[in-house]
Protein backbone atom coordinates (compact mmCIF):
# COMPACT_ATOMS: atom_id res chain seq x y z
CA MET A 1 58.78 -33.74 37.19
CA THR A 2 59.23 -31.46 40.10
CA ASP A 3 56.68 -30.91 42.81
CA LEU A 4 56.54 -27.22 41.86
CA ALA A 5 55.48 -27.97 38.23
CA ALA A 6 52.83 -30.39 39.42
CA ARG A 7 51.58 -27.88 41.98
CA TYR A 8 50.93 -25.23 39.30
CA GLY A 9 49.41 -27.57 36.71
CA ARG A 10 52.33 -27.89 34.28
CA THR A 11 51.91 -31.59 33.77
CA PRO A 12 51.93 -33.49 30.45
CA GLU A 13 48.22 -34.27 30.89
CA ARG A 14 47.45 -30.56 31.29
CA ARG A 15 49.37 -29.67 28.10
CA ARG A 16 47.55 -32.38 26.17
CA ARG A 17 44.16 -31.16 27.46
CA ASP A 18 45.00 -27.53 26.58
CA ARG A 19 46.04 -28.60 23.08
CA ILE A 20 42.78 -30.53 22.57
CA ILE A 21 40.72 -27.56 23.79
CA GLY A 22 42.64 -25.20 21.46
CA ILE A 23 42.15 -27.43 18.44
CA SER A 24 38.44 -27.85 19.25
CA VAL A 25 37.89 -24.09 19.55
CA ALA A 26 39.75 -23.44 16.28
CA ALA A 27 37.72 -26.13 14.49
CA GLY A 28 34.49 -24.63 15.86
CA ILE A 29 35.45 -21.19 14.57
CA VAL A 30 36.26 -22.62 11.13
CA VAL A 31 32.88 -24.41 10.99
CA VAL A 32 30.97 -21.24 11.97
CA MET A 33 32.87 -19.12 9.42
CA LEU A 34 32.28 -21.69 6.67
CA ALA A 35 28.56 -21.87 7.48
CA TRP A 36 28.33 -18.06 7.41
CA VAL A 37 30.04 -17.86 4.00
CA ILE A 38 27.75 -20.53 2.55
CA TRP A 39 24.61 -18.95 4.01
CA GLY A 40 25.56 -15.39 3.05
CA GLY A 41 27.05 -15.91 -0.37
CA LEU A 42 26.01 -19.17 -1.89
CA ALA A 43 22.52 -19.82 -0.51
CA ASP A 44 20.79 -17.51 -3.03
CA PRO A 45 22.51 -17.75 -6.41
CA ARG A 46 20.23 -15.08 -7.89
CA GLY A 47 22.20 -12.36 -6.12
CA THR A 48 21.12 -8.89 -5.22
CA ILE A 49 18.66 -6.31 -6.46
CA ASP A 50 19.69 -2.72 -7.17
CA THR A 51 17.37 0.19 -7.89
CA GLN A 52 18.00 3.71 -9.12
CA ASP A 53 15.41 6.48 -8.94
CA THR A 54 15.38 8.35 -12.26
CA GLY A 55 12.64 10.93 -11.74
CA SER A 56 9.05 11.76 -11.07
CA THR A 57 6.36 13.71 -12.89
CA ARG A 58 3.38 15.25 -11.13
CA ILE A 59 0.23 14.35 -13.07
CA ASP A 60 -2.33 16.21 -10.94
CA ALA A 61 -3.02 17.02 -7.28
CA HIS A 62 -3.68 13.36 -6.45
CA SER A 63 -1.28 11.36 -8.63
CA ILE A 64 2.37 11.27 -9.55
CA GLN A 65 4.37 9.15 -11.99
CA ILE A 66 7.58 7.71 -10.54
CA ASP A 67 10.34 6.42 -12.83
CA PHE A 68 13.18 4.13 -11.77
CA THR A 69 15.39 1.31 -12.97
CA VAL A 70 15.75 -2.18 -11.51
CA THR A 71 18.98 -4.15 -11.89
CA VAL A 72 18.70 -7.88 -11.21
CA GLU A 73 19.83 -11.11 -12.83
CA PRO A 74 17.87 -11.73 -16.06
CA GLY A 75 14.81 -13.93 -15.62
CA THR A 76 14.25 -12.96 -11.98
CA PRO A 77 10.77 -11.73 -10.97
CA VAL A 78 10.81 -8.83 -8.51
CA ARG A 79 8.27 -6.79 -6.55
CA CYS A 80 9.00 -3.18 -5.60
CA ALA A 81 7.37 -0.85 -3.09
CA VAL A 82 7.23 2.77 -4.28
CA ASN A 83 6.14 5.72 -2.17
CA ALA A 84 5.20 9.29 -2.97
CA PHE A 85 5.96 12.09 -0.52
CA ASP A 86 4.82 15.65 0.07
CA ARG A 87 6.85 18.79 0.78
CA HIS A 88 7.22 17.72 4.44
CA HIS A 89 8.64 14.35 3.29
CA SER A 90 5.59 12.55 4.64
CA THR A 91 4.31 9.57 2.68
CA VAL A 92 1.12 10.49 0.83
CA GLY A 93 0.93 7.51 -1.53
CA TRP A 94 2.20 3.95 -1.75
CA VAL A 95 2.05 1.20 -4.35
CA GLU A 96 3.64 -2.20 -4.88
CA LEU A 97 4.65 -3.01 -8.44
CA ASP A 98 5.41 -6.44 -9.89
CA VAL A 99 8.44 -6.28 -12.18
CA ASP A 100 8.22 -9.11 -14.68
CA PRO A 101 11.32 -11.18 -15.52
CA SER A 102 13.39 -9.64 -18.29
CA GLU A 103 16.24 -10.75 -20.52
CA GLN A 104 18.16 -7.60 -19.55
CA TRP A 105 20.04 -6.95 -16.32
CA THR A 106 18.65 -3.40 -16.01
CA THR A 107 15.09 -2.48 -16.92
CA PRO A 108 13.34 0.90 -16.73
CA GLN A 109 10.10 0.98 -14.75
CA SER A 110 7.34 3.54 -14.36
CA VAL A 111 4.35 3.56 -12.03
CA VAL A 112 1.56 6.01 -11.28
CA VAL A 113 0.93 6.46 -7.56
CA ARG A 114 -2.41 7.80 -6.34
CA THR A 115 -1.89 10.19 -3.45
CA ALA A 116 -3.93 11.46 -0.52
CA ASP A 117 -2.35 14.92 -0.81
CA GLU A 118 -0.23 16.77 -3.35
CA ALA A 119 3.06 14.92 -3.87
CA ILE A 120 6.32 16.60 -4.85
CA GLY A 121 8.33 13.43 -5.49
CA GLY A 122 8.64 9.71 -5.05
CA LEU A 123 11.18 6.99 -4.39
CA VAL A 124 11.57 3.26 -4.54
CA TYR A 125 11.29 2.14 -0.90
CA ARG A 126 12.72 -1.34 -1.56
CA CYS A 127 12.48 -4.34 -3.88
CA TRP A 128 12.46 -8.06 -3.12
CA LEU A 129 12.36 -11.33 -5.00
CA ARG A 130 8.93 -12.74 -5.80
C-alpha cells in the first residue's frame, strides 16, 4: 500500500469498517420498516371504520334526527359521536351513540340529537371501536 492511500484512509481496515457500518444501517432500516408494517397493518385485525352521512330531519326547534351508515367488520362494537349544527355551522348539539355488533358489514343508524338552538343539519364527527 502506498503512503498516499494510507494518508487518506483507503486502507483495508477502513473498507471493512465502512462495509460493517453500511450493513448495520441497512439492517436497522429494515427492522424499522418491518415494525411499522406490523404496527400499522397487522396489530388490529378488525380493520377500519367507515361512515356515510345519509340525511337529517328537523323534528322541532330543539331536536334533529340524523341518519347515517356505519361500515365495519361484522361483530365489531362501535361508538360514534354525532353533532348537529346551525346555519353558521356552529355545533348546537352533540351525542355519542353505541352501535351494537351486527352480522352485516354496513348498518343504517339513526339518532335524535337535542339542540341548544335550531339546527339545520348534522354529521357523524367520528367513530371508534368500543
